[in-house]
mmCIF file of all heavy atoms, coordinates in Angstrom:
data_MODEL
# 
_entry.id   MODEL 
# 
loop_
_atom_site.group_PDB 
_atom_site.id 
_atom_site.type_symbol 
_atom_site.label_atom_id 
_atom_site.label_alt_id 
_atom_site.label_comp_id 
_atom_site.label_asym_id 
_atom_site.label_entity_id 
_atom_site.label_seq_id 
_atom_site.pdbx_PDB_ins_code 
_atom_site.Cartn_x 
_atom_site.Cartn_y 
_atom_site.Cartn_z 
_atom_site.occupancy 
_atom_site.B_iso_or_equiv 
_atom_site.pdbx_formal_charge 
_atom_site.auth_seq_id 
_atom_site.auth_comp_id 
_atom_site.auth_asym_id 
_atom_site.auth_atom_id 
_atom_site.pdbx_PDB_model_num 
ATOM 1   N N   . HIS A 1 1  ? 0.786   -1.246 0.003   1.00 0.00 ? 1  HIS A N   1 
ATOM 2   C CA  . HIS A 1 1  ? -0.025  -0.055 0.006   1.00 0.00 ? 1  HIS A CA  1 
ATOM 3   C C   . HIS A 1 1  ? 0.905   1.248  0.067   1.00 0.00 ? 1  HIS A C   1 
ATOM 4   O O   . HIS A 1 1  ? 0.361   2.308  -0.343  1.00 0.00 ? 1  HIS A O   1 
ATOM 5   C CB  . HIS A 1 1  ? -0.979  -0.017 1.174   1.00 0.00 ? 1  HIS A CB  1 
ATOM 6   C CG  . HIS A 1 1  ? -0.292  0.048  2.459   1.00 0.00 ? 1  HIS A CG  1 
ATOM 7   N ND1 . HIS A 1 1  ? 0.258   -1.036 3.159   1.00 0.00 ? 1  HIS A ND1 1 
ATOM 8   C CD2 . HIS A 1 1  ? -0.166  1.105  3.343   1.00 0.00 ? 1  HIS A CD2 1 
ATOM 9   C CE1 . HIS A 1 1  ? 0.734   -0.693 4.314   1.00 0.00 ? 1  HIS A CE1 1 
ATOM 10  N NE2 . HIS A 1 1  ? 0.497   0.592  4.525   1.00 0.00 ? 1  HIS A NE2 1 
ATOM 11  N N   . GLU A 1 2  ? 2.219   1.131  0.361   1.00 0.00 ? 2  GLU A N   1 
ATOM 12  C CA  . GLU A 1 2  ? 3.162   2.140  0.337   1.00 0.00 ? 2  GLU A CA  1 
ATOM 13  C C   . GLU A 1 2  ? 3.054   3.144  1.445   1.00 0.00 ? 2  GLU A C   1 
ATOM 14  O O   . GLU A 1 2  ? 3.971   3.547  2.087   1.00 0.00 ? 2  GLU A O   1 
ATOM 15  C CB  . GLU A 1 2  ? 3.284   2.930  -0.973  1.00 0.00 ? 2  GLU A CB  1 
ATOM 16  C CG  . GLU A 1 2  ? 3.505   2.075  -2.148  1.00 0.00 ? 2  GLU A CG  1 
ATOM 17  C CD  . GLU A 1 2  ? 4.869   1.294  -2.188  1.00 0.00 ? 2  GLU A CD  1 
ATOM 18  O OE1 . GLU A 1 2  ? 5.683   1.421  -1.205  1.00 0.00 ? 2  GLU A OE1 1 
ATOM 19  O OE2 . GLU A 1 2  ? 5.200   0.558  -3.083  1.00 0.00 ? 2  GLU A OE2 1 
ATOM 20  N N   . THR A 1 3  ? 1.807   3.586  1.781   1.00 0.00 ? 3  THR A N   1 
ATOM 21  C CA  . THR A 1 3  ? 1.562   4.437  2.945   1.00 0.00 ? 3  THR A CA  1 
ATOM 22  C C   . THR A 1 3  ? 0.093   4.474  3.059   1.00 0.00 ? 3  THR A C   1 
ATOM 23  O O   . THR A 1 3  ? -0.727  4.493  2.188   1.00 0.00 ? 3  THR A O   1 
ATOM 24  C CB  . THR A 1 3  ? 2.126   5.875  2.751   1.00 0.00 ? 3  THR A CB  1 
ATOM 25  O OG1 . THR A 1 3  ? 1.729   6.649  3.848   1.00 0.00 ? 3  THR A OG1 1 
ATOM 26  C CG2 . THR A 1 3  ? 1.708   6.549  1.494   1.00 0.00 ? 3  THR A CG2 1 
ATOM 27  N N   . ALA A 1 4  ? -0.451  4.473  4.295   1.00 0.00 ? 4  ALA A N   1 
ATOM 28  C CA  . ALA A 1 4  ? -1.818  4.549  4.679   1.00 0.00 ? 4  ALA A CA  1 
ATOM 29  C C   . ALA A 1 4  ? -2.200  6.047  4.850   1.00 0.00 ? 4  ALA A C   1 
ATOM 30  O O   . ALA A 1 4  ? -3.399  6.322  5.307   1.00 0.00 ? 4  ALA A O   1 
ATOM 31  C CB  . ALA A 1 4  ? -2.129  3.701  5.853   1.00 0.00 ? 4  ALA A CB  1 
ATOM 32  N N   . ASP A 1 5  ? -1.357  6.938  4.677   1.00 0.00 ? 5  ASP A N   1 
ATOM 33  C CA  . ASP A 1 5  ? -1.589  8.374  4.718   1.00 0.00 ? 5  ASP A CA  1 
ATOM 34  C C   . ASP A 1 5  ? -1.763  9.032  3.436   1.00 0.00 ? 5  ASP A C   1 
ATOM 35  O O   . ASP A 1 5  ? -0.829  8.985  2.604   1.00 0.00 ? 5  ASP A O   1 
ATOM 36  C CB  . ASP A 1 5  ? -0.402  9.114  5.481   1.00 0.00 ? 5  ASP A CB  1 
ATOM 37  C CG  . ASP A 1 5  ? -0.584  10.505 5.748   1.00 0.00 ? 5  ASP A CG  1 
ATOM 38  O OD1 . ASP A 1 5  ? -1.260  11.205 4.940   1.00 0.00 ? 5  ASP A OD1 1 
ATOM 39  O OD2 . ASP A 1 5  ? 0.086   11.032 6.678   1.00 0.00 ? 5  ASP A OD2 1 
ATOM 40  N N   . GLU A 1 6  ? -2.993  9.351  3.109   1.00 0.00 ? 6  GLU A N   1 
ATOM 41  C CA  . GLU A 1 6  ? -3.403  9.752  1.753   1.00 0.00 ? 6  GLU A CA  1 
ATOM 42  C C   . GLU A 1 6  ? -2.447  10.938 1.262   1.00 0.00 ? 6  GLU A C   1 
ATOM 43  O O   . GLU A 1 6  ? -1.987  10.995 0.089   1.00 0.00 ? 6  GLU A O   1 
ATOM 44  C CB  . GLU A 1 6  ? -4.833  10.085 1.636   1.00 0.00 ? 6  GLU A CB  1 
ATOM 45  C CG  . GLU A 1 6  ? -5.242  10.431 0.251   1.00 0.00 ? 6  GLU A CG  1 
ATOM 46  C CD  . GLU A 1 6  ? -6.754  10.522 0.042   1.00 0.00 ? 6  GLU A CD  1 
ATOM 47  O OE1 . GLU A 1 6  ? -7.498  10.507 1.070   1.00 0.00 ? 6  GLU A OE1 1 
ATOM 48  O OE2 . GLU A 1 6  ? -7.178  10.745 -1.097  1.00 0.00 ? 6  GLU A OE2 1 
ATOM 49  N N   . MET A 1 7  ? -2.210  11.911 2.146   1.00 0.00 ? 7  MET A N   1 
ATOM 50  C CA  . MET A 1 7  ? -1.368  13.068 1.779   1.00 0.00 ? 7  MET A CA  1 
ATOM 51  C C   . MET A 1 7  ? 0.025   12.605 1.434   1.00 0.00 ? 7  MET A C   1 
ATOM 52  O O   . MET A 1 7  ? 0.682   13.041 0.485   1.00 0.00 ? 7  MET A O   1 
ATOM 53  C CB  . MET A 1 7  ? -1.417  14.154 2.796   1.00 0.00 ? 7  MET A CB  1 
ATOM 54  C CG  . MET A 1 7  ? -2.735  14.778 3.090   1.00 0.00 ? 7  MET A CG  1 
ATOM 55  S SD  . MET A 1 7  ? -3.436  15.491 1.443   1.00 0.00 ? 7  MET A SD  1 
ATOM 56  C CE  . MET A 1 7  ? -2.213  16.753 1.114   1.00 0.00 ? 7  MET A CE  1 
ATOM 57  N N   . HIS A 1 8  ? 0.557   11.692 2.222   1.00 0.00 ? 8  HIS A N   1 
ATOM 58  C CA  . HIS A 1 8  ? 1.874   11.112 2.013   1.00 0.00 ? 8  HIS A CA  1 
ATOM 59  C C   . HIS A 1 8  ? 1.972   10.408 0.676   1.00 0.00 ? 8  HIS A C   1 
ATOM 60  O O   . HIS A 1 8  ? 2.924   10.484 -0.047  1.00 0.00 ? 8  HIS A O   1 
ATOM 61  C CB  . HIS A 1 8  ? 2.310   10.286 3.123   1.00 0.00 ? 8  HIS A CB  1 
ATOM 62  C CG  . HIS A 1 8  ? 3.699   9.890  3.164   1.00 0.00 ? 8  HIS A CG  1 
ATOM 63  N ND1 . HIS A 1 8  ? 4.015   8.596  3.563   1.00 0.00 ? 8  HIS A ND1 1 
ATOM 64  C CD2 . HIS A 1 8  ? 4.870   10.444 2.728   1.00 0.00 ? 8  HIS A CD2 1 
ATOM 65  C CE1 . HIS A 1 8  ? 5.397   8.384  3.459   1.00 0.00 ? 8  HIS A CE1 1 
ATOM 66  N NE2 . HIS A 1 8  ? 5.866   9.532  2.867   1.00 0.00 ? 8  HIS A NE2 1 
ATOM 67  N N   . TYR A 1 9  ? 0.834   9.622  0.478   1.00 0.00 ? 9  TYR A N   1 
ATOM 68  C CA  . TYR A 1 9  ? 0.739   8.868  -0.845  1.00 0.00 ? 9  TYR A CA  1 
ATOM 69  C C   . TYR A 1 9  ? 0.967   9.872  -1.976  1.00 0.00 ? 9  TYR A C   1 
ATOM 70  O O   . TYR A 1 9  ? 1.615   9.574  -3.038  1.00 0.00 ? 9  TYR A O   1 
ATOM 71  C CB  . TYR A 1 9  ? -0.565  8.149  -0.950  1.00 0.00 ? 9  TYR A CB  1 
ATOM 72  C CG  . TYR A 1 9  ? -0.708  7.216  -2.148  1.00 0.00 ? 9  TYR A CG  1 
ATOM 73  C CD1 . TYR A 1 9  ? -0.300  5.889  -2.058  1.00 0.00 ? 9  TYR A CD1 1 
ATOM 74  C CD2 . TYR A 1 9  ? -1.126  7.778  -3.305  1.00 0.00 ? 9  TYR A CD2 1 
ATOM 75  C CE1 . TYR A 1 9  ? -0.415  5.050  -3.162  1.00 0.00 ? 9  TYR A CE1 1 
ATOM 76  C CE2 . TYR A 1 9  ? -1.232  6.846  -4.365  1.00 0.00 ? 9  TYR A CE2 1 
ATOM 77  C CZ  . TYR A 1 9  ? -0.883  5.560  -4.352  1.00 0.00 ? 9  TYR A CZ  1 
ATOM 78  O OH  . TYR A 1 9  ? -0.997  4.763  -5.415  1.00 0.00 ? 9  TYR A OH  1 
ATOM 79  N N   . LYS A 1 10 ? 0.255   11.042 -1.916  1.00 0.00 ? 10 LYS A N   1 
ATOM 80  C CA  . LYS A 1 10 ? 0.415   11.962 -3.045  1.00 0.00 ? 10 LYS A CA  1 
ATOM 81  C C   . LYS A 1 10 ? 1.740   12.558 -3.216  1.00 0.00 ? 10 LYS A C   1 
ATOM 82  O O   . LYS A 1 10 ? 2.151   12.881 -4.380  1.00 0.00 ? 10 LYS A O   1 
ATOM 83  C CB  . LYS A 1 10 ? -0.637  13.154 -2.828  1.00 0.00 ? 10 LYS A CB  1 
ATOM 84  C CG  . LYS A 1 10 ? -2.124  12.686 -2.889  1.00 0.00 ? 10 LYS A CG  1 
ATOM 85  C CD  . LYS A 1 10 ? -3.083  13.751 -2.652  1.00 0.00 ? 10 LYS A CD  1 
ATOM 86  C CE  . LYS A 1 10 ? -4.549  13.317 -2.775  1.00 0.00 ? 10 LYS A CE  1 
ATOM 87  N NZ  . LYS A 1 10 ? -5.477  14.424 -2.506  1.00 0.00 ? 10 LYS A NZ  1 
ATOM 88  N N   . ILE A 1 11 ? 2.534   12.660 -2.221  1.00 0.00 ? 11 ILE A N   1 
ATOM 89  C CA  . ILE A 1 11 ? 3.854   13.055 -2.303  1.00 0.00 ? 11 ILE A CA  1 
ATOM 90  C C   . ILE A 1 11 ? 4.773   12.095 -3.034  1.00 0.00 ? 11 ILE A C   1 
ATOM 91  O O   . ILE A 1 11 ? 5.676   12.445 -3.773  1.00 0.00 ? 11 ILE A O   1 
ATOM 92  C CB  . ILE A 1 11 ? 4.475   13.363 -0.938  1.00 0.00 ? 11 ILE A CB  1 
ATOM 93  C CG1 . ILE A 1 11 ? 3.704   14.618 -0.193  1.00 0.00 ? 11 ILE A CG1 1 
ATOM 94  C CG2 . ILE A 1 11 ? 5.981   13.653 -0.945  1.00 0.00 ? 11 ILE A CG2 1 
ATOM 95  C CD1 . ILE A 1 11 ? 4.090   14.840 1.292   1.00 0.00 ? 11 ILE A CD1 1 
ATOM 96  N N   . LEU A 1 12 ? 4.518   10.736 -2.842  1.00 0.00 ? 12 LEU A N   1 
ATOM 97  C CA  . LEU A 1 12 ? 5.391   9.760  -3.373  1.00 0.00 ? 12 LEU A CA  1 
ATOM 98  C C   . LEU A 1 12 ? 5.000   9.305  -4.715  1.00 0.00 ? 12 LEU A C   1 
ATOM 99  O O   . LEU A 1 12 ? 5.792   8.718  -5.532  1.00 0.00 ? 12 LEU A O   1 
ATOM 100 C CB  . LEU A 1 12 ? 5.297   8.557  -2.484  1.00 0.00 ? 12 LEU A CB  1 
ATOM 101 C CG  . LEU A 1 12 ? 5.766   8.690  -1.000  1.00 0.00 ? 12 LEU A CG  1 
ATOM 102 C CD1 . LEU A 1 12 ? 5.520   7.419  -0.318  1.00 0.00 ? 12 LEU A CD1 1 
ATOM 103 C CD2 . LEU A 1 12 ? 7.183   9.150  -0.933  1.00 0.00 ? 12 LEU A CD2 1 
ATOM 104 N N   . HIS A 1 13 ? 3.808   9.724  -5.208  1.00 0.00 ? 13 HIS A N   1 
ATOM 105 C CA  . HIS A 1 13 ? 3.188   9.247  -6.491  1.00 0.00 ? 13 HIS A CA  1 
ATOM 106 C C   . HIS A 1 13 ? 2.812   10.309 -7.409  1.00 0.00 ? 13 HIS A C   1 
ATOM 107 O O   . HIS A 1 13 ? 2.475   11.396 -6.980  1.00 0.00 ? 13 HIS A O   1 
ATOM 108 C CB  . HIS A 1 13 ? 2.048   8.236  -6.287  1.00 0.00 ? 13 HIS A CB  1 
ATOM 109 C CG  . HIS A 1 13 ? 2.498   7.012  -5.475  1.00 0.00 ? 13 HIS A CG  1 
ATOM 110 N ND1 . HIS A 1 13 ? 2.448   6.971  -4.069  1.00 0.00 ? 13 HIS A ND1 1 
ATOM 111 C CD2 . HIS A 1 13 ? 2.873   5.819  -5.838  1.00 0.00 ? 13 HIS A CD2 1 
ATOM 112 C CE1 . HIS A 1 13 ? 2.783   5.872  -3.626  1.00 0.00 ? 13 HIS A CE1 1 
ATOM 113 N NE2 . HIS A 1 13 ? 3.103   5.128  -4.656  1.00 0.00 ? 13 HIS A NE2 1 
ATOM 114 N N   . PRO A 1 14 ? 2.798   10.067 -8.760  1.00 0.00 ? 14 PRO A N   1 
ATOM 115 C CA  . PRO A 1 14 ? 2.271   11.096 -9.653  1.00 0.00 ? 14 PRO A CA  1 
ATOM 116 C C   . PRO A 1 14 ? 0.817   11.251 -9.600  1.00 0.00 ? 14 PRO A C   1 
ATOM 117 O O   . PRO A 1 14 ? 0.034   10.397 -8.955  1.00 0.00 ? 14 PRO A O   1 
ATOM 118 C CB  . PRO A 1 14 ? 2.671   10.518 -11.044 1.00 0.00 ? 14 PRO A CB  1 
ATOM 119 C CG  . PRO A 1 14 ? 2.693   9.024  -10.824 1.00 0.00 ? 14 PRO A CG  1 
ATOM 120 C CD  . PRO A 1 14 ? 3.235   8.806  -9.420  1.00 0.00 ? 14 PRO A CD  1 
ATOM 121 N N   . GLU A 1 15 ? 0.254   12.288 -10.179 1.00 0.00 ? 15 GLU A N   1 
ATOM 122 C CA  . GLU A 1 15 ? -1.239  12.605 -9.994  1.00 0.00 ? 15 GLU A CA  1 
ATOM 123 C C   . GLU A 1 15 ? -2.003  11.540 -10.709 1.00 0.00 ? 15 GLU A C   1 
ATOM 124 O O   . GLU A 1 15 ? -3.223  11.309 -10.319 1.00 0.00 ? 15 GLU A O   1 
ATOM 125 C CB  . GLU A 1 15 ? -1.554  13.957 -10.659 1.00 0.00 ? 15 GLU A CB  1 
ATOM 126 C CG  . GLU A 1 15 ? -0.971  15.136 -9.818  1.00 0.00 ? 15 GLU A CG  1 
ATOM 127 C CD  . GLU A 1 15 ? -1.424  16.503 -10.450 1.00 0.00 ? 15 GLU A CD  1 
ATOM 128 O OE1 . GLU A 1 15 ? -2.223  16.403 -11.381 1.00 0.00 ? 15 GLU A OE1 1 
ATOM 129 O OE2 . GLU A 1 15 ? -1.017  17.557 -9.926  1.00 0.00 ? 15 GLU A OE2 1 
ATOM 130 N N   . SER A 1 16 ? -1.437  10.861 -11.656 1.00 0.00 ? 16 SER A N   1 
ATOM 131 C CA  . SER A 1 16 ? -2.234  9.716  -12.383 1.00 0.00 ? 16 SER A CA  1 
ATOM 132 C C   . SER A 1 16 ? -2.552  8.598  -11.436 1.00 0.00 ? 16 SER A C   1 
ATOM 133 O O   . SER A 1 16 ? -3.313  7.715  -11.826 1.00 0.00 ? 16 SER A O   1 
ATOM 134 C CB  . SER A 1 16 ? -1.384  9.232  -13.518 1.00 0.00 ? 16 SER A CB  1 
ATOM 135 O OG  . SER A 1 16 ? -0.096  8.750  -13.231 1.00 0.00 ? 16 SER A OG  1 
ATOM 136 N N   . MET A 1 17 ? -1.867  8.492  -10.299 1.00 0.00 ? 17 MET A N   1 
ATOM 137 C CA  . MET A 1 17 ? -2.115  7.361  -9.386  1.00 0.00 ? 17 MET A CA  1 
ATOM 138 C C   . MET A 1 17 ? -2.916  7.738  -8.204  1.00 0.00 ? 17 MET A C   1 
ATOM 139 O O   . MET A 1 17 ? -2.890  8.894  -7.748  1.00 0.00 ? 17 MET A O   1 
ATOM 140 C CB  . MET A 1 17 ? -0.817  6.752  -8.891  1.00 0.00 ? 17 MET A CB  1 
ATOM 141 C CG  . MET A 1 17 ? -0.031  6.169  -10.085 1.00 0.00 ? 17 MET A CG  1 
ATOM 142 S SD  . MET A 1 17 ? 1.552   5.351  -9.417  1.00 0.00 ? 17 MET A SD  1 
ATOM 143 C CE  . MET A 1 17 ? 0.825   3.844  -8.625  1.00 0.00 ? 17 MET A CE  1 
ATOM 144 N N   . SER A 1 18 ? -3.810  6.931  -7.668  1.00 0.00 ? 18 SER A N   1 
ATOM 145 C CA  . SER A 1 18 ? -4.817  7.265  -6.718  1.00 0.00 ? 18 SER A CA  1 
ATOM 146 C C   . SER A 1 18 ? -4.576  6.378  -5.476  1.00 0.00 ? 18 SER A C   1 
ATOM 147 O O   . SER A 1 18 ? -4.633  5.101  -5.561  1.00 0.00 ? 18 SER A O   1 
ATOM 148 C CB  . SER A 1 18 ? -6.195  7.052  -7.363  1.00 0.00 ? 18 SER A CB  1 
ATOM 149 O OG  . SER A 1 18 ? -7.157  6.885  -6.278  1.00 0.00 ? 18 SER A OG  1 
ATOM 150 N N   . PHE A 1 19 ? -4.665  6.963  -4.329  1.00 0.00 ? 19 PHE A N   1 
ATOM 151 C CA  . PHE A 1 19 ? -4.611  6.377  -3.027  1.00 0.00 ? 19 PHE A CA  1 
ATOM 152 C C   . PHE A 1 19 ? -5.916  5.500  -2.883  1.00 0.00 ? 19 PHE A C   1 
ATOM 153 O O   . PHE A 1 19 ? -5.817  4.322  -2.436  1.00 0.00 ? 19 PHE A O   1 
ATOM 154 C CB  . PHE A 1 19 ? -4.655  7.372  -1.883  1.00 0.00 ? 19 PHE A CB  1 
ATOM 155 C CG  . PHE A 1 19 ? -4.693  6.766  -0.499  1.00 0.00 ? 19 PHE A CG  1 
ATOM 156 C CD1 . PHE A 1 19 ? -3.705  6.242  0.118   1.00 0.00 ? 19 PHE A CD1 1 
ATOM 157 C CD2 . PHE A 1 19 ? -5.981  6.776  0.133   1.00 0.00 ? 19 PHE A CD2 1 
ATOM 158 C CE1 . PHE A 1 19 ? -3.742  5.756  1.422   1.00 0.00 ? 19 PHE A CE1 1 
ATOM 159 C CE2 . PHE A 1 19 ? -6.159  6.292  1.450   1.00 0.00 ? 19 PHE A CE2 1 
ATOM 160 C CZ  . PHE A 1 19 ? -5.006  5.782  2.096   1.00 0.00 ? 19 PHE A CZ  1 
ATOM 161 N N   . ASP A 1 20 ? -7.065  5.951  -3.291  1.00 0.00 ? 20 ASP A N   1 
ATOM 162 C CA  . ASP A 1 20 ? -8.278  5.123  -3.233  1.00 0.00 ? 20 ASP A CA  1 
ATOM 163 C C   . ASP A 1 20 ? -8.256  4.023  -4.073  1.00 0.00 ? 20 ASP A C   1 
ATOM 164 O O   . ASP A 1 20 ? -8.703  2.945  -3.634  1.00 0.00 ? 20 ASP A O   1 
ATOM 165 C CB  . ASP A 1 20 ? -9.477  6.069  -3.554  1.00 0.00 ? 20 ASP A CB  1 
ATOM 166 C CG  . ASP A 1 20 ? -9.765  7.167  -2.525  1.00 0.00 ? 20 ASP A CG  1 
ATOM 167 O OD1 . ASP A 1 20 ? -9.367  6.961  -1.417  1.00 0.00 ? 20 ASP A OD1 1 
ATOM 168 O OD2 . ASP A 1 20 ? -10.445 8.105  -2.884  1.00 0.00 ? 20 ASP A OD2 1 
ATOM 169 N N   . ASN A 1 21 ? -7.661  4.090  -5.238  1.00 0.00 ? 21 ASN A N   1 
ATOM 170 C CA  . ASN A 1 21 ? -7.602  2.942  -6.130  1.00 0.00 ? 21 ASN A CA  1 
ATOM 171 C C   . ASN A 1 21 ? -6.623  1.812  -5.556  1.00 0.00 ? 21 ASN A C   1 
ATOM 172 O O   . ASN A 1 21 ? -6.937  0.609  -5.575  1.00 0.00 ? 21 ASN A O   1 
ATOM 173 C CB  . ASN A 1 21 ? -7.093  3.300  -7.550  1.00 0.00 ? 21 ASN A CB  1 
ATOM 174 C CG  . ASN A 1 21 ? -7.244  2.180  -8.531  1.00 0.00 ? 21 ASN A CG  1 
ATOM 175 O OD1 . ASN A 1 21 ? -8.276  1.668  -8.781  1.00 0.00 ? 21 ASN A OD1 1 
ATOM 176 N ND2 . ASN A 1 21 ? -6.058  1.751  -9.037  1.00 0.00 ? 21 ASN A ND2 1 
ATOM 177 N N   . ARG A 1 22 ? -5.601  2.216  -4.923  1.00 0.00 ? 22 ARG A N   1 
ATOM 178 C CA  . ARG A 1 22 ? -4.612  1.274  -4.310  1.00 0.00 ? 22 ARG A CA  1 
ATOM 179 C C   . ARG A 1 22 ? -5.405  0.500  -3.270  1.00 0.00 ? 22 ARG A C   1 
ATOM 180 O O   . ARG A 1 22 ? -5.259  -0.720 -3.128  1.00 0.00 ? 22 ARG A O   1 
ATOM 181 C CB  . ARG A 1 22 ? -3.406  1.985  -3.751  1.00 0.00 ? 22 ARG A CB  1 
ATOM 182 C CG  . ARG A 1 22 ? -2.463  1.177  -3.124  1.00 0.00 ? 22 ARG A CG  1 
ATOM 183 C CD  . ARG A 1 22 ? -1.772  0.055  -3.959  1.00 0.00 ? 22 ARG A CD  1 
ATOM 184 N NE  . ARG A 1 22 ? -1.132  0.624  -5.181  1.00 0.00 ? 22 ARG A NE  1 
ATOM 185 C CZ  . ARG A 1 22 ? 0.120   0.832  -5.335  1.00 0.00 ? 22 ARG A CZ  1 
ATOM 186 N NH1 . ARG A 1 22 ? 1.072   0.438  -4.288  1.00 0.00 ? 22 ARG A NH1 1 
ATOM 187 N NH2 . ARG A 1 22 ? 0.649   1.358  -6.485  1.00 0.00 ? 22 ARG A NH2 1 
ATOM 188 N N   . MET A 1 23 ? -6.173  1.310  -2.405  1.00 0.00 ? 23 MET A N   1 
ATOM 189 C CA  . MET A 1 23 ? -6.903  0.562  -1.286  1.00 0.00 ? 23 MET A CA  1 
ATOM 190 C C   . MET A 1 23 ? -7.946  -0.318 -1.842  1.00 0.00 ? 23 MET A C   1 
ATOM 191 O O   . MET A 1 23 ? -8.311  -1.339 -1.306  1.00 0.00 ? 23 MET A O   1 
ATOM 192 C CB  . MET A 1 23 ? -7.447  1.659  -0.416  1.00 0.00 ? 23 MET A CB  1 
ATOM 193 C CG  . MET A 1 23 ? -6.399  2.370  0.457   1.00 0.00 ? 23 MET A CG  1 
ATOM 194 S SD  . MET A 1 23 ? -5.534  1.223  1.535   1.00 0.00 ? 23 MET A SD  1 
ATOM 195 C CE  . MET A 1 23 ? -4.224  2.253  2.280   1.00 0.00 ? 23 MET A CE  1 
ATOM 196 N N   . ASN A 1 24 ? -8.665  0.131  -2.928  1.00 0.00 ? 24 ASN A N   1 
ATOM 197 C CA  . ASN A 1 24 ? -9.700  -0.648 -3.547  1.00 0.00 ? 24 ASN A CA  1 
ATOM 198 C C   . ASN A 1 24 ? -9.188  -1.956 -4.087  1.00 0.00 ? 24 ASN A C   1 
ATOM 199 O O   . ASN A 1 24 ? -9.775  -3.033 -4.076  1.00 0.00 ? 24 ASN A O   1 
ATOM 200 C CB  . ASN A 1 24 ? -10.450 0.162  -4.537  1.00 0.00 ? 24 ASN A CB  1 
ATOM 201 C CG  . ASN A 1 24 ? -11.320 1.157  -4.058  1.00 0.00 ? 24 ASN A CG  1 
ATOM 202 O OD1 . ASN A 1 24 ? -11.808 1.186  -2.938  1.00 0.00 ? 24 ASN A OD1 1 
ATOM 203 N ND2 . ASN A 1 24 ? -11.574 2.186  -4.958  1.00 0.00 ? 24 ASN A ND2 1 
ATOM 204 N N   . CYS A 1 25 ? -7.865  -1.893 -4.752  1.00 0.00 ? 25 CYS A N   1 
ATOM 205 C CA  . CYS A 1 25 ? -7.244  -3.109 -5.243  1.00 0.00 ? 25 CYS A CA  1 
ATOM 206 C C   . CYS A 1 25 ? -7.044  -4.116 -4.025  1.00 0.00 ? 25 CYS A C   1 
ATOM 207 O O   . CYS A 1 25 ? -7.312  -5.274 -4.296  1.00 0.00 ? 25 CYS A O   1 
ATOM 208 C CB  . CYS A 1 25 ? -5.975  -2.694 -5.867  1.00 0.00 ? 25 CYS A CB  1 
ATOM 209 S SG  . CYS A 1 25 ? -6.101  -1.959 -7.431  1.00 0.00 ? 25 CYS A SG  1 
ATOM 210 N N   . LEU A 1 26 ? -6.582  -3.632 -2.932  1.00 0.00 ? 26 LEU A N   1 
ATOM 211 C CA  . LEU A 1 26 ? -6.337  -4.527 -1.820  1.00 0.00 ? 26 LEU A CA  1 
ATOM 212 C C   . LEU A 1 26 ? -7.640  -5.149 -1.353  1.00 0.00 ? 26 LEU A C   1 
ATOM 213 O O   . LEU A 1 26 ? -7.692  -6.346 -1.064  1.00 0.00 ? 26 LEU A O   1 
ATOM 214 C CB  . LEU A 1 26 ? -5.724  -3.781 -0.592  1.00 0.00 ? 26 LEU A CB  1 
ATOM 215 C CG  . LEU A 1 26 ? -4.185  -3.547 -0.830  1.00 0.00 ? 26 LEU A CG  1 
ATOM 216 C CD1 . LEU A 1 26 ? -3.737  -2.485 0.177   1.00 0.00 ? 26 LEU A CD1 1 
ATOM 217 C CD2 . LEU A 1 26 ? -3.324  -4.782 -0.729  1.00 0.00 ? 26 LEU A CD2 1 
ATOM 218 N N   . SER A 1 27 ? -8.716  -4.282 -1.351  1.00 0.00 ? 27 SER A N   1 
ATOM 219 C CA  . SER A 1 27 ? -10.048 -4.929 -0.953  1.00 0.00 ? 27 SER A CA  1 
ATOM 220 C C   . SER A 1 27 ? -10.498 -5.990 -1.980  1.00 0.00 ? 27 SER A C   1 
ATOM 221 O O   . SER A 1 27 ? -11.078 -6.990 -1.538  1.00 0.00 ? 27 SER A O   1 
ATOM 222 C CB  . SER A 1 27 ? -11.106 -3.788 -0.889  1.00 0.00 ? 27 SER A CB  1 
ATOM 223 O OG  . SER A 1 27 ? -10.702 -2.864 0.144   1.00 0.00 ? 27 SER A OG  1 
ATOM 224 N N   . SER A 1 28 ? -10.290 -5.749 -3.255  1.00 0.00 ? 28 SER A N   1 
ATOM 225 C CA  . SER A 1 28 ? -10.648 -6.687 -4.239  1.00 0.00 ? 28 SER A CA  1 
ATOM 226 C C   . SER A 1 28 ? -9.943  -7.950 -4.189  1.00 0.00 ? 28 SER A C   1 
ATOM 227 O O   . SER A 1 28 ? -10.523 -9.066 -4.212  1.00 0.00 ? 28 SER A O   1 
ATOM 228 C CB  . SER A 1 28 ? -10.346 -6.040 -5.599  1.00 0.00 ? 28 SER A CB  1 
ATOM 229 O OG  . SER A 1 28 ? -11.137 -4.938 -5.969  1.00 0.00 ? 28 SER A OG  1 
# 
């Protein structure tokens, strides 16, 4: 998941990637 802090996720990833999508993938 890389980080469970959404703001931190945005610092580490480009705008094209989504914290919510990463969490949804784990749920799937």
